[in-house]
All heavy atoms as atom14 arrays in JSON, in Angstrom:
{
  "sequence": "INSKDAPELAELGTSCPDHFLRTKIKPLYVTWDPGE",
  "atom14_mask": [
    [1, 1, 1, 1, 1, 1, 1, 1, 0, 0, 0, 0, 0, 0],
    [1, 1, 1, 1, 1, 1, 1, 1, 0, 0, 0, 0, 0, 0],
    [1, 1, 1, 1, 1, 1, 0, 0, 0, 0, 0, 0, 0, 0],
    [1, 1, 1, 1, 1, 1, 1, 1, 1, 0, 0, 0, 0, 0],
    [1, 1, 1, 1, 1, 1, 1, 1, 0, 0, 0, 0, 0, 0],
    [1, 1, 1, 1, 1, 0, 0, 0, 0, 0, 0, 0, 0, 0],
    [1, 1, 1, 1, 1, 1, 1, 0, 0, 0, 0, 0, 0, 0],
    [1, 1, 1, 1, 1, 1, 1, 1, 1, 0, 0, 0, 0, 0],
    [1, 1, 1, 1, 1, 1, 1, 1, 0, 0, 0, 0, 0, 0],
    [1, 1, 1, 1, 1, 0, 0, 0, 0, 0, 0, 0, 0, 0],
    [1, 1, 1, 1, 1, 1, 1, 1, 1, 0, 0, 0, 0, 0],
    [1, 1, 1, 1, 1, 1, 1, 1, 0, 0, 0, 0, 0, 0],
    [1, 1, 1, 1, 0, 0, 0, 0, 0, 0, 0, 0, 0, 0],
    [1, 1, 1, 1, 1, 1, 1, 0, 0, 0, 0, 0, 0, 0],
    [1, 1, 1, 1, 1, 1, 0, 0, 0, 0, 0, 0, 0, 0],
    [1, 1, 1, 1, 1, 1, 0, 0, 0, 0, 0, 0, 0, 0],
    [1, 1, 1, 1, 1, 1, 1, 0, 0, 0, 0, 0, 0, 0],
    [1, 1, 1, 1, 1, 1, 1, 1, 0, 0, 0, 0, 0, 0],
    [1, 1, 1, 1, 1, 1, 1, 1, 1, 1, 0, 0, 0, 0],
    [1, 1, 1, 1, 1, 1, 1, 1, 1, 1, 1, 0, 0, 0],
    [1, 1, 1, 1, 1, 1, 1, 1, 0, 0, 0, 0, 0, 0],
    [1, 1, 1, 1, 1, 1, 1, 1, 1, 1, 1, 0, 0, 0],
    [1, 1, 1, 1, 1, 1, 1, 0, 0, 0, 0, 0, 0, 0],
    [1, 1, 1, 1, 1, 1, 1, 1, 1, 0, 0, 0, 0, 0],
    [1, 1, 1, 1, 1, 1, 1, 1, 0, 0, 0, 0, 0, 0],
    [1, 1, 1, 1, 1, 1, 1, 1, 1, 0, 0, 0, 0, 0],
    [1, 1, 1, 1, 1, 1, 1, 0, 0, 0, 0, 0, 0, 0],
    [1, 1, 1, 1, 1, 1, 1, 1, 0, 0, 0, 0, 0, 0],
    [1, 1, 1, 1, 1, 1, 1, 1, 1, 1, 1, 1, 0, 0],
    [1, 1, 1, 1, 1, 1, 1, 0, 0, 0, 0, 0, 0, 0],
    [1, 1, 1, 1, 1, 1, 1, 0, 0, 0, 0, 0, 0, 0],
    [1, 1, 1, 1, 1, 1, 1, 1, 1, 1, 1, 1, 1, 1],
    [1, 1, 1, 1, 1, 1, 1, 1, 0, 0, 0, 0, 0, 0],
    [1, 1, 1, 1, 1, 1, 1, 0, 0, 0, 0, 0, 0, 0],
    [1, 1, 1, 1, 0, 0, 0, 0, 0, 0, 0, 0, 0, 0],
    [1, 1, 1, 1, 1, 1, 1, 1, 1, 0, 0, 0, 0, 0]
  ],
  "atom14_positions": [
    [[0.86, -1.16, 0.0], [0.01, 0.04, -0.02], [0.89, 1.27, -0.01], [0.52, 2.25, -0.6], [-0.97, 0.02, 1.27], [-1.91, -1.23, 1.11], [-1.74, 1.3, 1.31], [-2.73, -1.45, 2.38], [0.0, 0.0, 0.0], [0.0, 0.0, 0.0], [0.0, 0.0, 0.0], [0.0, 0.0, 0.0], [0.0, 0.0, 0.0], [0.0, 0.0, 0.0]],
    [[2.04, 1.22, 0.71], [2.89, 2.4, 0.8], [3.78, 2.59, -0.44], [4.5, 3.53, -0.49], [3.83, 2.3, 2.02], [3.02, 2.35, 3.38], [1.9, 2.8, 3.37], [3.63, 1.86, 4.4], [0.0, 0.0, 0.0], [0.0, 0.0, 0.0], [0.0, 0.0, 0.0], [0.0, 0.0, 0.0], [0.0, 0.0, 0.0], [0.0, 0.0, 0.0]],
    [[3.69, 1.7, -1.35], [4.65, 1.65, -2.46], [4.31, 2.68, -3.62], [3.16, 3.11, -3.7], [4.79, 0.25, -3.11], [3.64, -0.07, -3.77], [0.0, 0.0, 0.0], [0.0, 0.0, 0.0], [0.0, 0.0, 0.0], [0.0, 0.0, 0.0], [0.0, 0.0, 0.0], [0.0, 0.0, 0.0], [0.0, 0.0, 0.0], [0.0, 0.0, 0.0]],
    [[5.27, 2.95, -4.45], [5.06, 3.83, -5.53], [4.15, 3.3, -6.62], [3.3, 3.98, -7.21], [6.4, 4.16, -6.3], [7.45, 4.87, -5.36], [8.77, 4.99, -6.03], [9.79, 5.67, -5.06], [11.13, 5.75, -5.66], [0.0, 0.0, 0.0], [0.0, 0.0, 0.0], [0.0, 0.0, 0.0], [0.0, 0.0, 0.0], [0.0, 0.0, 0.0]],
    [[4.21, 1.9, -6.79], [3.41, 1.33, -7.9], [1.96, 0.98, -7.44], [1.16, 0.49, -8.25], [4.09, 0.11, -8.47], [5.4, 0.44, -9.19], [5.52, 1.63, -9.46], [6.15, -0.47, -9.37], [0.0, 0.0, 0.0], [0.0, 0.0, 0.0], [0.0, 0.0, 0.0], [0.0, 0.0, 0.0], [0.0, 0.0, 0.0], [0.0, 0.0, 0.0]],
    [[1.68, 1.06, -6.14], [0.4, 0.45, -5.6], [-0.84, 1.15, -6.33], [-1.69, 0.43, -6.7], [0.37, 0.72, -4.09], [0.0, 0.0, 0.0], [0.0, 0.0, 0.0], [0.0, 0.0, 0.0], [0.0, 0.0, 0.0], [0.0, 0.0, 0.0], [0.0, 0.0, 0.0], [0.0, 0.0, 0.0], [0.0, 0.0, 0.0], [0.0, 0.0, 0.0]],
    [[-0.88, 2.46, -6.48], [-2.1, 3.01, -7.12], [-2.39, 2.48, -8.43], [-3.49, 2.07, -8.82], [-1.8, 4.52, -7.18], [-0.8, 4.68, -6.12], [0.03, 3.48, -6.02], [0.0, 0.0, 0.0], [0.0, 0.0, 0.0], [0.0, 0.0, 0.0], [0.0, 0.0, 0.0], [0.0, 0.0, 0.0], [0.0, 0.0, 0.0], [0.0, 0.0, 0.0]],
    [[-1.33, 2.33, -9.27], [-1.48, 1.8, -10.64], [-1.86, 0.31, -10.61], [-2.75, -0.14, -11.36], [-0.24, 1.99, -11.43], [-0.28, 1.44, -12.88], [1.04, 1.66, -13.6], [1.91, 2.34, -13.07], [1.17, 1.04, -14.66], [0.0, 0.0, 0.0], [0.0, 0.0, 0.0], [0.0, 0.0, 0.0], [0.0, 0.0, 0.0], [0.0, 0.0, 0.0]],
    [[-1.18, -0.49, -9.77], [-1.52, -1.89, -9.69], [-2.94, -2.15, -9.11], [-3.65, -3.09, -9.56], [-0.49, -2.65, -8.83], [0.91, -2.75, -9.49], [1.9, -3.23, -8.43], [0.9, -3.72, -10.59], [0.0, 0.0, 0.0], [0.0, 0.0, 0.0], [0.0, 0.0, 0.0], [0.0, 0.0, 0.0], [0.0, 0.0, 0.0], [0.0, 0.0, 0.0]],
    [[-3.29, -1.34, -8.12], [-4.63, -1.56, -7.55], [-5.72, -1.26, -8.6], [-6.73, -1.93, -8.65], [-4.76, -0.61, -6.31], [0.0, 0.0, 0.0], [0.0, 0.0, 0.0], [0.0, 0.0, 0.0], [0.0, 0.0, 0.0], [0.0, 0.0, 0.0], [0.0, 0.0, 0.0], [0.0, 0.0, 0.0], [0.0, 0.0, 0.0], [0.0, 0.0, 0.0]],
    [[-5.46, -0.32, -9.43], [-6.33, 0.13, -10.5], [-6.62, -1.0, -11.5], [-7.7, -1.06, -12.01], [-5.91, 1.44, -11.18], [-6.88, 1.94, -12.19], [-8.22, 2.5, -11.64], [-8.24, 2.83, -10.38], [-9.17, 2.64, -12.29], [0.0, 0.0, 0.0], [0.0, 0.0, 0.0], [0.0, 0.0, 0.0], [0.0, 0.0, 0.0], [0.0, 0.0, 0.0]],
    [[-5.62, -1.81, -11.65], [-5.77, -2.96, -12.64], [-6.75, -3.99, -12.11], [-7.44, -4.59, -12.94], [-4.35, -3.61, -12.82], [-3.31, -2.8, -13.66], [-2.06, -3.62, -13.67], [-3.83, -2.52, -15.01], [0.0, 0.0, 0.0], [0.0, 0.0, 0.0], [0.0, 0.0, 0.0], [0.0, 0.0, 0.0], [0.0, 0.0, 0.0], [0.0, 0.0, 0.0]],
    [[-6.84, -4.13, -10.81], [-7.75, -5.12, -10.28], [-7.1, -6.49, -10.17], [-5.9, -6.75, -10.5], [0.0, 0.0, 0.0], [0.0, 0.0, 0.0], [0.0, 0.0, 0.0], [0.0, 0.0, 0.0], [0.0, 0.0, 0.0], [0.0, 0.0, 0.0], [0.0, 0.0, 0.0], [0.0, 0.0, 0.0], [0.0, 0.0, 0.0], [0.0, 0.0, 0.0]],
    [[-7.87, -7.47, -9.64], [-7.3, -8.77, -9.37], [-7.64, -9.68, -10.62], [-8.28, -9.2, -11.58], [-7.97, -9.41, -8.17], [-9.42, -9.36, -8.27], [-7.59, -8.72, -6.89], [0.0, 0.0, 0.0], [0.0, 0.0, 0.0], [0.0, 0.0, 0.0], [0.0, 0.0, 0.0], [0.0, 0.0, 0.0], [0.0, 0.0, 0.0], [0.0, 0.0, 0.0]],
    [[-7.1, -10.88, -10.64], [-7.17, -11.74, -11.79], [-7.93, -13.0, -11.48], [-8.92, -13.33, -12.13], [-5.77, -12.0, -12.36], [-5.89, -12.93, -13.47], [0.0, 0.0, 0.0], [0.0, 0.0, 0.0], [0.0, 0.0, 0.0], [0.0, 0.0, 0.0], [0.0, 0.0, 0.0], [0.0, 0.0, 0.0], [0.0, 0.0, 0.0], [0.0, 0.0, 0.0]],
    [[-7.44, -13.72, -10.47], [-8.05, -15.06, -10.23], [-9.61, -14.81, -10.01], [-9.94, -13.99, -9.18], [-7.43, -15.65, -9.05], [-8.12, -17.22, -8.54], [0.0, 0.0, 0.0], [0.0, 0.0, 0.0], [0.0, 0.0, 0.0], [0.0, 0.0, 0.0], [0.0, 0.0, 0.0], [0.0, 0.0, 0.0], [0.0, 0.0, 0.0], [0.0, 0.0, 0.0]],
    [[-10.49, -15.53, -10.64], [-12.0, -15.25, -10.51], [-12.38, -15.38, -9.14], [-13.37, -14.69, -8.67], [-12.54, -16.37, -11.42], [-11.45, -17.35, -11.73], [-10.16, -16.61, -11.61], [0.0, 0.0, 0.0], [0.0, 0.0, 0.0], [0.0, 0.0, 0.0], [0.0, 0.0, 0.0], [0.0, 0.0, 0.0], [0.0, 0.0, 0.0], [0.0, 0.0, 0.0]],
    [[-11.87, -16.26, -8.32], [-12.22, -16.37, -6.94], [-11.92, -15.06, -6.18], [-12.7, -14.62, -5.36], [-11.49, -17.47, -6.15], [-12.23, -18.82, -6.29], [-12.76, -19.05, -7.37], [-12.33, -19.56, -5.28], [0.0, 0.0, 0.0], [0.0, 0.0, 0.0], [0.0, 0.0, 0.0], [0.0, 0.0, 0.0], [0.0, 0.0, 0.0], [0.0, 0.0, 0.0]],
    [[-10.82, -14.36, -6.51], [-10.38, -13.22, -5.84], [-11.38, -12.03, -6.19], [-11.88, -11.53, -5.18], [-8.99, -12.86, -6.3], [-7.89, -13.72, -5.83], [-6.62, -13.58, -6.16], [-8.0, -14.84, -5.04], [-5.93, -14.57, -5.59], [-6.78, -15.28, -4.96], [0.0, 0.0, 0.0], [0.0, 0.0, 0.0], [0.0, 0.0, 0.0], [0.0, 0.0, 0.0]],
    [[-11.63, -11.73, -7.43], [-12.42, -10.56, -7.73], [-13.96, -10.77, -7.43], [-14.67, -9.8, -7.32], [-12.15, -9.99, -9.07], [-12.56, -10.82, -10.2], [-13.92, -10.89, -10.56], [-11.58, -11.37, -11.06], [-14.24, -11.62, -11.68], [-11.99, -12.07, -12.19], [-13.3, -12.24, -12.5], [0.0, 0.0, 0.0], [0.0, 0.0, 0.0], [0.0, 0.0, 0.0]],
    [[-14.4, -12.01, -7.25], [-15.81, -12.12, -6.85], [-15.99, -11.62, -5.45], [-17.08, -11.2, -5.06], [-16.22, -13.63, -6.9], [-16.57, -14.19, -8.24], [-16.79, -15.7, -8.2], [-17.79, -13.53, -8.82], [0.0, 0.0, 0.0], [0.0, 0.0, 0.0], [0.0, 0.0, 0.0], [0.0, 0.0, 0.0], [0.0, 0.0, 0.0], [0.0, 0.0, 0.0]],
    [[-14.89, -11.52, -4.62], [-15.03, -11.02, -3.28], [-14.53, -9.59, -3.26], [-15.07, -8.75, -2.54], [-14.17, -11.83, -2.37], [-14.56, -13.32, -2.2], [-15.78, -13.44, -1.31], [-16.02, -14.9, -1.04], [-16.92, -15.34, -0.24], [-17.69, -14.53, 0.47], [-17.11, -16.66, -0.13], [0.0, 0.0, 0.0], [0.0, 0.0, 0.0], [0.0, 0.0, 0.0]],
    [[-13.41, -9.34, -3.98], [-12.77, -7.98, -3.91], [-13.38, -6.98, -4.87], [-12.97, -5.86, -4.88], [-11.26, -8.19, -4.14], [-11.06, -8.56, -5.54], [-10.62, -9.16, -3.19], [0.0, 0.0, 0.0], [0.0, 0.0, 0.0], [0.0, 0.0, 0.0], [0.0, 0.0, 0.0], [0.0, 0.0, 0.0], [0.0, 0.0, 0.0], [0.0, 0.0, 0.0]],
    [[-14.3, -7.44, -5.74], [-14.9, -6.64, -6.83], [-13.77, -6.37, -7.89], [-12.67, -6.89, -7.72], [-15.54, -5.34, -6.34], [-16.66, -5.6, -5.32], [-17.3, -4.28, -4.95], [-18.34, -3.74, -5.92], [-19.62, -4.47, -5.84], [0.0, 0.0, 0.0], [0.0, 0.0, 0.0], [0.0, 0.0, 0.0], [0.0, 0.0, 0.0], [0.0, 0.0, 0.0]],
    [[-14.12, -5.62, -8.84], [-13.24, -5.48, -10.04], [-11.92, -4.82, -9.62], [-10.88, -5.08, -10.16], [-13.98, -4.69, -11.1], [-13.04, -4.65, -12.42], [-14.29, -3.27, -10.64], [-12.9, -6.01, -13.0], [0.0, 0.0, 0.0], [0.0, 0.0, 0.0], [0.0, 0.0, 0.0], [0.0, 0.0, 0.0], [0.0, 0.0, 0.0], [0.0, 0.0, 0.0]],
    [[-11.91, -3.98, -8.58], [-10.72, -3.36, -8.06], [-10.97, -2.8, -6.7], [-12.15, -2.6, -6.26], [-10.31, -2.25, -9.06], [-11.24, -1.01, -9.04], [-10.83, 0.05, -10.01], [-11.89, 1.22, -9.98], [-11.36, 2.39, -10.89], [0.0, 0.0, 0.0], [0.0, 0.0, 0.0], [0.0, 0.0, 0.0], [0.0, 0.0, 0.0], [0.0, 0.0, 0.0]],
    [[-9.86, -2.54, -5.92], [-10.06, -1.89, -4.62], [-10.12, -0.35, -4.85], [-9.88, 0.16, -5.87], [-8.82, -2.28, -3.89], [-7.8, -2.37, -4.95], [-8.48, -2.92, -6.19], [0.0, 0.0, 0.0], [0.0, 0.0, 0.0], [0.0, 0.0, 0.0], [0.0, 0.0, 0.0], [0.0, 0.0, 0.0], [0.0, 0.0, 0.0], [0.0, 0.0, 0.0]],
    [[-10.44, 0.33, -3.78], [-10.32, 1.82, -3.72], [-9.05, 2.15, -3.08], [-8.84, 1.81, -1.96], [-11.45, 2.44, -2.97], [-11.28, 3.94, -2.59], [-11.17, 4.75, -3.87], [-12.39, 4.41, -1.7], [0.0, 0.0, 0.0], [0.0, 0.0, 0.0], [0.0, 0.0, 0.0], [0.0, 0.0, 0.0], [0.0, 0.0, 0.0], [0.0, 0.0, 0.0]],
    [[-8.15, 2.75, -3.83], [-6.92, 3.28, -3.29], [-7.05, 4.72, -2.91], [-7.37, 5.62, -3.81], [-5.73, 3.12, -4.25], [-4.37, 3.48, -3.69], [-3.63, 2.42, -3.15], [-3.94, 4.71, -3.66], [-2.39, 2.75, -2.59], [-2.66, 5.08, -3.13], [-1.85, 4.07, -2.57], [-0.71, 4.4, -1.98], [0.0, 0.0, 0.0], [0.0, 0.0, 0.0]],
    [[-6.9, 5.07, -1.61], [-7.14, 6.43, -1.13], [-5.81, 7.17, -1.12], [-4.86, 6.76, -0.5], [-7.72, 6.42, 0.26], [-7.95, 7.84, 0.87], [-9.06, 5.64, 0.25], [0.0, 0.0, 0.0], [0.0, 0.0, 0.0], [0.0, 0.0, 0.0], [0.0, 0.0, 0.0], [0.0, 0.0, 0.0], [0.0, 0.0, 0.0], [0.0, 0.0, 0.0]],
    [[-5.75, 8.3, -1.86], [-4.51, 9.06, -1.94], [-4.43, 9.92, -0.62], [-5.17, 10.92, -0.51], [-4.53, 9.96, -3.17], [-4.7, 9.06, -4.31], [-3.24, 10.66, -3.29], [0.0, 0.0, 0.0], [0.0, 0.0, 0.0], [0.0, 0.0, 0.0], [0.0, 0.0, 0.0], [0.0, 0.0, 0.0], [0.0, 0.0, 0.0], [0.0, 0.0, 0.0]],
    [[-3.56, 9.57, 0.25], [-3.43, 10.23, 1.57], [-2.03, 10.07, 1.94], [-1.47, 8.96, 1.95], [-4.36, 9.75, 2.51], [-4.35, 10.42, 3.88], [-4.75, 11.68, 4.17], [-3.91, 9.79, 5.12], [-4.6, 11.93, 5.52], [-4.11, 10.86, 6.13], [-3.44, 8.6, 5.5], [-3.79, 10.63, 7.51], [-3.14, 8.42, 6.82], [-3.24, 9.42, 7.82]],
    [[-1.31, 11.2, 2.34], [0.01, 11.13, 2.89], [-0.02, 11.13, 4.39], [-0.36, 12.14, 5.03], [0.73, 12.28, 2.42], [2.24, 12.3, 2.73], [2.62, 11.52, 3.71], [3.09, 12.97, 2.09], [0.0, 0.0, 0.0], [0.0, 0.0, 0.0], [0.0, 0.0, 0.0], [0.0, 0.0, 0.0], [0.0, 0.0, 0.0], [0.0, 0.0, 0.0]],
    [[0.29, 9.93, 4.99], [0.18, 9.85, 6.46], [1.19, 10.78, 7.17], [0.95, 11.06, 8.39], [0.5, 8.36, 6.7], [1.31, 7.88, 5.56], [0.76, 8.72, 4.38], [0.0, 0.0, 0.0], [0.0, 0.0, 0.0], [0.0, 0.0, 0.0], [0.0, 0.0, 0.0], [0.0, 0.0, 0.0], [0.0, 0.0, 0.0], [0.0, 0.0, 0.0]],
    [[2.22, 11.2, 6.52], [3.17, 12.07, 7.21], [2.85, 13.5, 7.14], [3.38, 14.32, 7.87], [0.0, 0.0, 0.0], [0.0, 0.0, 0.0], [0.0, 0.0, 0.0], [0.0, 0.0, 0.0], [0.0, 0.0, 0.0], [0.0, 0.0, 0.0], [0.0, 0.0, 0.0], [0.0, 0.0, 0.0], [0.0, 0.0, 0.0], [0.0, 0.0, 0.0]],
    [[1.94, 13.89, 6.14], [1.67, 15.28, 5.95], [0.22, 15.72, 6.15], [-0.08, 16.75, 6.63], [2.11, 15.7, 4.51], [3.57, 15.49, 4.17], [4.44, 16.48, 4.93], [3.94, 17.57, 5.36], [5.61, 16.1, 5.16], [0.0, 0.0, 0.0], [0.0, 0.0, 0.0], [0.0, 0.0, 0.0], [0.0, 0.0, 0.0], [0.0, 0.0, 0.0]]
  ]
}
């Protein structure tokens, strides 16, 4: 979640059909800087 690539990878969504039936097509990545 803290990584540079996380927003882009999260937007792609999951692949395994079992996964996205629970996780939906993609997660919501919240843009928030915990330090600022």
